[in-house]
Amino acid sequence: MSSDFETYEQDFGTLTAEITNKVGRIPKLSGEEKTQLVVNVDKQLEEVRELLEQMDLEVREIPAQSRAMYSTRLRSYKQEMDKLEKDFKRSRIAYSDEVRTDLLGEDGASSESQRAHLLDNTEMLERSSRRLAAGYQIAVETEQVGQEILSNLNSDREKIQRSRDRLRETDANLGKSSRILTAMLRR
């Protein structure tokens, strides 16, 4: 199994080297050439994601004594993948920022960092929105469970009250029969 993992590692190294090279070229290109390169890098990044999933599956099948070493290597590959994706985002932004700097002068120089910051904020908002939606769904489900529990408690309360009324009635009847028996014994 570890030989499969090592094959995946070699493929990962080759793909990431190609992606790094292409990411470095993206800001220097324009028009259709840049678009094709961006699409190509997107496809390769998807291949790397699939490769990481395969590596993850392989790590799960490796015996426990050597799994830790492979897990550590896999984590570092995932971190490298995250870095590649961030570099890719920045390189896609860089060309438009260069054009903007040419048009606006030096005042537009900070727009790359602003755009990167904006993208990060947008991603954070999307994650927060998903968390809020999940929280809302949990609240709705909790409310439904609470309503069912209240309904069950109400029916249990009514049963207990009926049982208490029967008990009082039985107690009264026992008291009456006790008095009758006492009167009969006296006679």
C-alpha atoms as a PDB file:
ATOM      1  CA  MET A   1       0.000   0.000   0.000  1.00  0.00           C
ATOM      2  CA  SER A   2       2.799   2.409   0.793  1.00  0.00           C
ATOM      3  CA  SER A   3       4.077   1.938  -2.781  1.00  0.00           C
ATOM      4  CA  ASP A   4       0.750   3.319  -4.041  1.00  0.00           C
ATOM      5  CA  PHE A   5       1.156   6.234  -1.657  1.00  0.00           C
ATOM      6  CA  GLU A   6       4.674   6.881  -2.951  1.00  0.00           C
ATOM      7  CA  THR A   7       3.389   6.796  -6.542  1.00  0.00           C
ATOM      8  CA  TYR A   8       0.761   9.356  -5.567  1.00  0.00           C
ATOM      9  CA  GLU A   9       3.507  11.444  -3.951  1.00  0.00           C
ATOM     10  CA  GLN A  10       5.503  11.451  -7.174  1.00  0.00           C
ATOM     11  CA  ASP A  11       2.414  12.460  -9.166  1.00  0.00           C
ATOM     12  CA  PHE A  12       1.711  15.157  -6.592  1.00  0.00           C
ATOM     13  CA  GLY A  13       5.251  16.528  -6.900  1.00  0.00           C
ATOM     14  CA  THR A  14       5.078  16.606 -10.692  1.00  0.00           C
ATOM     15  CA  LEU A  15       1.659  18.273 -10.777  1.00  0.00           C
ATOM     16  CA  THR A  16       2.499  20.884  -8.147  1.00  0.00           C
ATOM     17  CA  ALA A  17       5.716  21.789  -9.956  1.00  0.00           C
ATOM     18  CA  GLU A  18       3.761  22.293 -13.200  1.00  0.00           C
ATOM     19  CA  ILE A  19       1.102  24.332 -11.412  1.00  0.00           C
ATOM     20  CA  THR A  20       3.717  26.510  -9.686  1.00  0.00           C
ATOM     21  CA  ASN A  21       5.360  27.203 -13.033  1.00  0.00           C
ATOM     22  CA  LYS A  22       2.041  28.093 -14.676  1.00  0.00           C
ATOM     23  CA  VAL A  23       0.901  30.223 -11.736  1.00  0.00           C
ATOM     24  CA  GLY A  24       4.102  32.236 -12.083  1.00  0.00           C
ATOM     25  CA  ARG A  25       3.358  32.842 -15.767  1.00  0.00           C
ATOM     26  CA  ILE A  26      -0.307  33.885 -15.366  1.00  0.00           C
ATOM     27  CA  PRO A  27       0.292  37.541 -14.366  1.00  0.00           C
ATOM     28  CA  LYS A  28       2.547  38.030 -17.403  1.00  0.00           C
ATOM     29  CA  LEU A  29      -0.068  36.858 -19.892  1.00  0.00           C
ATOM     30  CA  SER A  30      -3.218  38.516 -21.129  1.00  0.00           C
ATOM     31  CA  GLY A  31      -6.359  37.786 -23.077  1.00  0.00           C
ATOM     32  CA  GLU A  32      -7.096  34.316 -24.424  1.00  0.00           C
ATOM     33  CA  GLU A  33      -3.673  32.957 -23.479  1.00  0.00           C
ATOM     34  CA  LYS A  34      -4.238  33.871 -19.843  1.00  0.00           C
ATOM     35  CA  THR A  35      -7.759  32.438 -19.891  1.00  0.00           C
ATOM     36  CA  GLN A  36      -6.542  29.098 -21.281  1.00  0.00           C
ATOM     37  CA  LEU A  37      -3.750  28.905 -18.740  1.00  0.00           C
ATOM     38  CA  VAL A  38      -6.184  29.671 -15.894  1.00  0.00           C
ATOM     39  CA  VAL A  39      -8.552  26.917 -17.085  1.00  0.00           C
ATOM     40  CA  ASN A  40      -5.619  24.523 -17.391  1.00  0.00           C
ATOM     41  CA  VAL A  41      -4.410  25.318 -13.865  1.00  0.00           C
ATOM     42  CA  ASP A  42      -7.985  24.870 -12.550  1.00  0.00           C
ATOM     43  CA  LYS A  43      -8.087  21.372 -14.058  1.00  0.00           C
ATOM     44  CA  GLN A  44      -4.693  20.501 -12.630  1.00  0.00           C
ATOM     45  CA  LEU A  45      -5.716  21.755  -9.191  1.00  0.00           C
ATOM     46  CA  GLU A  46      -8.754  19.479  -9.388  1.00  0.00           C
ATOM     47  CA  GLU A  47      -6.440  16.569 -10.274  1.00  0.00           C
ATOM     48  CA  VAL A  48      -4.304  17.398  -7.235  1.00  0.00           C
ATOM     49  CA  ARG A  49      -7.435  17.432  -5.021  1.00  0.00           C
ATOM     50  CA  GLU A  50      -8.394  13.990  -6.315  1.00  0.00           C
ATOM     51  CA  LEU A  51      -4.839  12.800  -5.783  1.00  0.00           C
ATOM     52  CA  LEU A  52      -4.968  14.015  -2.172  1.00  0.00           C
ATOM     53  CA  GLU A  53      -8.243  12.139  -1.669  1.00  0.00           C
ATOM     54  CA  GLN A  54      -6.612   8.963  -3.007  1.00  0.00           C
ATOM     55  CA  MET A  55      -3.655   9.511  -0.679  1.00  0.00           C
ATOM     56  CA  ASP A  56      -6.059   9.981   2.229  1.00  0.00           C
ATOM     57  CA  LEU A  57      -7.763   6.677   1.404  1.00  0.00           C
ATOM     58  CA  GLU A  58      -4.379   4.941   1.214  1.00  0.00           C
ATOM     59  CA  VAL A  59      -3.351   6.345   4.594  1.00  0.00           C
ATOM     60  CA  ARG A  60      -6.512   4.934   6.170  1.00  0.00           C
ATOM     61  CA  GLU A  61      -5.611   1.455   4.923  1.00  0.00           C
ATOM     62  CA  ILE A  62      -2.002   1.563   6.156  1.00  0.00           C
ATOM     63  CA  PRO A  63      -1.330  -0.371   9.410  1.00  0.00           C
ATOM     64  CA  ALA A  64      -1.559   1.739  12.561  1.00  0.00           C
ATOM     65  CA  GLN A  65       2.152   1.610  13.426  1.00  0.00           C
ATOM     66  CA  SER A  66       3.222   3.441  10.253  1.00  0.00           C
ATOM     67  CA  ARG A  67       0.055   5.466   9.686  1.00  0.00           C
ATOM     68  CA  ALA A  68       1.258   8.471  11.726  1.00  0.00           C
ATOM     69  CA  MET A  69       4.218   9.101   9.426  1.00  0.00           C
ATOM     70  CA  TYR A  70       2.052   8.995   6.309  1.00  0.00           C
ATOM     71  CA  SER A  71      -0.623  11.161   7.953  1.00  0.00           C
ATOM     72  CA  THR A  72       1.992  13.825   8.687  1.00  0.00           C
ATOM     73  CA  ARG A  73       3.177  13.766   5.092  1.00  0.00           C
ATOM     74  CA  LEU A  74      -0.414  14.011   3.857  1.00  0.00           C
ATOM     75  CA  ARG A  75      -1.069  17.033   6.091  1.00  0.00           C
ATOM     76  CA  SER A  76       1.979  18.801   4.670  1.00  0.00           C
ATOM     77  CA  TYR A  77       0.762  18.047   1.129  1.00  0.00           C
ATOM     78  CA  LYS A  78      -2.640  19.507   1.986  1.00  0.00           C
ATOM     79  CA  GLN A  79      -0.962  22.634   3.339  1.00  0.00           C
ATOM     80  CA  GLU A  80       1.059  22.897   0.144  1.00  0.00           C
ATOM     81  CA  MET A  81      -2.192  22.551  -1.832  1.00  0.00           C
ATOM     82  CA  ASP A  82      -3.773  25.395   0.154  1.00  0.00           C
ATOM     83  CA  LYS A  83      -0.729  27.573  -0.563  1.00  0.00           C
ATOM     84  CA  LEU A  84      -0.931  26.738  -4.272  1.00  0.00           C
ATOM     85  CA  GLU A  85      -4.612  27.713  -4.378  1.00  0.00           C
ATOM     86  CA  LYS A  86      -3.884  31.031  -2.650  1.00  0.00           C
ATOM     87  CA  ASP A  87      -1.006  31.744  -5.038  1.00  0.00           C
ATOM     88  CA  PHE A  88      -3.297  30.909  -7.946  1.00  0.00           C
ATOM     89  CA  LYS A  89      -5.936  33.375  -6.718  1.00  0.00           C
ATOM     90  CA  ARG A  90      -3.347  36.088  -6.292  1.00  0.00           C
ATOM     91  CA  SER A  91      -1.837  35.487  -9.736  1.00  0.00           C
ATOM     92  CA  ARG A  92      -5.263  35.777 -11.363  1.00  0.00           C
ATOM     93  CA  ILE A  93      -5.754  39.109  -9.630  1.00  0.00           C
ATOM     94  CA  ALA A  94      -2.259  40.429 -10.380  1.00  0.00           C
ATOM     95  CA  TYR A  95      -2.765  41.101 -14.097  1.00  0.00           C
ATOM     96  CA  SER A  96      -5.916  43.154 -13.583  1.00  0.00           C
ATOM     97  CA  ASP A  97      -4.108  45.076 -10.837  1.00  0.00           C
ATOM     98  CA  GLU A  98      -1.198  45.858 -13.175  1.00  0.00           C
ATOM     99  CA  VAL A  99      -3.630  47.269 -15.732  1.00  0.00           C
ATOM    100  CA  ARG A 100      -5.359  49.245 -13.003  1.00  0.00           C
ATOM    101  CA  THR A 101      -2.010  50.631 -11.785  1.00  0.00           C
ATOM    102  CA  ASP A 102      -1.185  51.720 -15.335  1.00  0.00           C
ATOM    103  CA  LEU A 103      -4.542  53.456 -15.636  1.00  0.00           C
ATOM    104  CA  LEU A 104      -4.740  54.966 -12.157  1.00  0.00           C
ATOM    105  CA  GLY A 105      -1.087  55.473 -11.353  1.00  0.00           C
ATOM    106  CA  GLU A 106       0.456  54.620  -7.999  1.00  0.00           C
ATOM    107  CA  ASP A 107      -2.837  55.018  -6.083  1.00  0.00           C
ATOM    108  CA  GLY A 108      -4.062  51.693  -7.474  1.00  0.00           C
ATOM    109  CA  ALA A 109      -1.008  49.769  -6.195  1.00  0.00           C
ATOM    110  CA  SER A 110      -2.680  48.555  -3.029  1.00  0.00           C
ATOM    111  CA  SER A 111      -5.653  47.124  -4.869  1.00  0.00           C
ATOM    112  CA  GLU A 112      -4.083  43.642  -5.035  1.00  0.00           C
ATOM    113  CA  SER A 113      -4.039  43.429  -1.269  1.00  0.00           C
ATOM    114  CA  GLN A 114      -7.498  44.990  -1.122  1.00  0.00           C
ATOM    115  CA  ARG A 115      -8.836  42.473  -3.611  1.00  0.00           C
ATOM    116  CA  ALA A 116      -7.211  39.571  -1.768  1.00  0.00           C
ATOM    117  CA  HIS A 117      -8.649  40.921   1.470  1.00  0.00           C
ATOM    118  CA  LEU A 118     -12.069  41.247  -0.183  1.00  0.00           C
ATOM    119  CA  LEU A 119     -11.894  37.649  -1.457  1.00  0.00           C
ATOM    120  CA  ASP A 120     -10.957  36.421   2.016  1.00  0.00           C
ATOM    121  CA  ASN A 121     -13.840  38.392   3.534  1.00  0.00           C
ATOM    122  CA  THR A 122     -16.245  37.023   0.930  1.00  0.00           C
ATOM    123  CA  GLU A 123     -15.182  33.463   1.714  1.00  0.00           C
ATOM    124  CA  MET A 124     -15.552  34.162   5.421  1.00  0.00           C
ATOM    125  CA  LEU A 125     -19.063  35.544   4.836  1.00  0.00           C
ATOM    126  CA  GLU A 126     -20.035  32.484   2.828  1.00  0.00           C
ATOM    127  CA  ARG A 127     -18.775  30.167   5.585  1.00  0.00           C
ATOM    128  CA  SER A 128     -20.653  32.225   8.163  1.00  0.00           C
ATOM    129  CA  SER A 129     -23.811  32.093   6.067  1.00  0.00           C
ATOM    130  CA  ARG A 130     -23.551  28.319   5.819  1.00  0.00           C
ATOM    131  CA  ARG A 131     -23.044  28.085   9.579  1.00  0.00           C
ATOM    132  CA  LEU A 132     -26.043  30.341  10.191  1.00  0.00           C
ATOM    133  CA  ALA A 133     -28.205  28.240   7.860  1.00  0.00           C
ATOM    134  CA  ALA A 134     -27.094  25.076   9.653  1.00  0.00           C
ATOM    135  CA  GLY A 135     -27.766  26.728  13.027  1.00  0.00           C
ATOM    136  CA  TYR A 136     -31.217  27.826  11.895  1.00  0.00           C
ATOM    137  CA  GLN A 137     -31.988  24.279  10.729  1.00  0.00           C
ATOM    138  CA  ILE A 138     -30.893  22.903  14.099  1.00  0.00           C
ATOM    139  CA  ALA A 139     -33.050  25.499  15.889  1.00  0.00           C
ATOM    140  CA  VAL A 140     -36.095  24.500  13.815  1.00  0.00           C
ATOM    141  CA  GLU A 141     -35.510  20.816  14.555  1.00  0.00           C
ATOM    142  CA  THR A 142     -34.997  21.572  18.240  1.00  0.00           C
ATOM    143  CA  GLU A 143     -38.251  23.545  18.308  1.00  0.00           C
ATOM    144  CA  GLN A 144     -40.121  20.610  16.756  1.00  0.00           C
ATOM    145  CA  VAL A 145     -38.638  18.194  19.289  1.00  0.00           C
ATOM    146  CA  GLY A 146     -39.558  20.626  22.086  1.00  0.00           C
ATOM    147  CA  GLN A 147     -43.154  20.817  20.866  1.00  0.00           C
ATOM    148  CA  GLU A 148     -43.383  17.018  20.794  1.00  0.00           C
ATOM    149  CA  ILE A 149     -41.974  16.814  24.322  1.00  0.00           C
ATOM    150  CA  LEU A 150     -44.458  19.436  25.588  1.00  0.00           C
ATOM    151  CA  SER A 151     -47.313  17.541  23.958  1.00  0.00           C
ATOM    152  CA  ASN A 152     -46.156  14.285  25.601  1.00  0.00           C
ATOM    153  CA  LEU A 153     -45.780  16.020  28.967  1.00  0.00           C
ATOM    154  CA  ASN A 154     -49.287  17.470  28.666  1.00  0.00           C
ATOM    155  CA  SER A 155     -50.817  14.069  27.953  1.00  0.00           C
ATOM    156  CA  ASP A 156     -48.808  12.557  30.850  1.00  0.00           C
ATOM    157  CA  ARG A 157     -50.079  15.338  33.140  1.00  0.00           C
ATOM    158  CA  GLU A 158     -53.675  14.572  32.207  1.00  0.00           C
ATOM    159  CA  LYS A 159     -53.128  10.848  32.903  1.00  0.00           C
ATOM    160  CA  ILE A 160     -51.607  11.646  36.294  1.00  0.00           C
ATOM    161  CA  GLN A 161     -54.542  13.933  37.190  1.00  0.00           C
ATOM    162  CA  ARG A 162     -57.067  11.239  36.208  1.00  0.00           C
ATOM    163  CA  SER A 163     -55.140   8.679  38.271  1.00  0.00           C
ATOM    164  CA  ARG A 164     -55.098  11.076  41.264  1.00  0.00           C
ATOM    165  CA  ASP A 165     -58.866  11.631  40.952  1.00  0.00           C
ATOM    166  CA  ARG A 166     -59.465   7.858  40.848  1.00  0.00           C
ATOM    167  CA  LEU A 167     -57.190   7.419  43.866  1.00  0.00           C
ATOM    168  CA  ARG A 168     -59.161  10.046  45.849  1.00  0.00           C
ATOM    169  CA  GLU A 169     -62.410   8.396  44.817  1.00  0.00           C
ATOM    170  CA  THR A 170     -61.074   4.982  45.857  1.00  0.00           C
ATOM    171  CA  ASP A 171     -59.846   6.463  49.163  1.00  0.00           C
ATOM    172  CA  ALA A 172     -63.287   7.932  49.814  1.00  0.00           C
ATOM    173  CA  ASN A 173     -64.931   4.598  49.005  1.00  0.00           C
ATOM    174  CA  LEU A 174     -62.501   2.784  51.323  1.00  0.00           C
ATOM    175  CA  GLY A 175     -63.294   5.222  54.108  1.00  0.00           C
ATOM    176  CA  LYS A 176     -67.027   4.685  53.578  1.00  0.00           C
ATOM    177  CA  SER A 177     -66.657   0.896  53.543  1.00  0.00           C
ATOM    178  CA  SER A 178     -64.475   1.066  56.662  1.00  0.00           C
ATOM    179  CA  ARG A 179     -67.207   3.003  58.492  1.00  0.00           C
ATOM    180  CA  ILE A 180     -69.842   0.524  57.347  1.00  0.00           C
ATOM    181  CA  LEU A 181     -67.748  -2.431  58.491  1.00  0.00           C
ATOM    182  CA  THR A 182     -67.099  -0.762  61.831  1.00  0.00           C
ATOM    183  CA  ALA A 183     -70.840  -0.185  62.262  1.00  0.00           C
ATOM    184  CA  MET A 184     -71.553  -3.802  61.357  1.00  0.00           C
ATOM    185  CA  LEU A 185     -69.018  -5.039  63.883  1.00  0.00           C
ATOM    186  CA  ARG A 186     -70.611  -2.980  66.668  1.00  0.00           C
ATOM    187  CA  ARG A 187     -74.017  -4.541  66.018  1.00  0.00           C
END
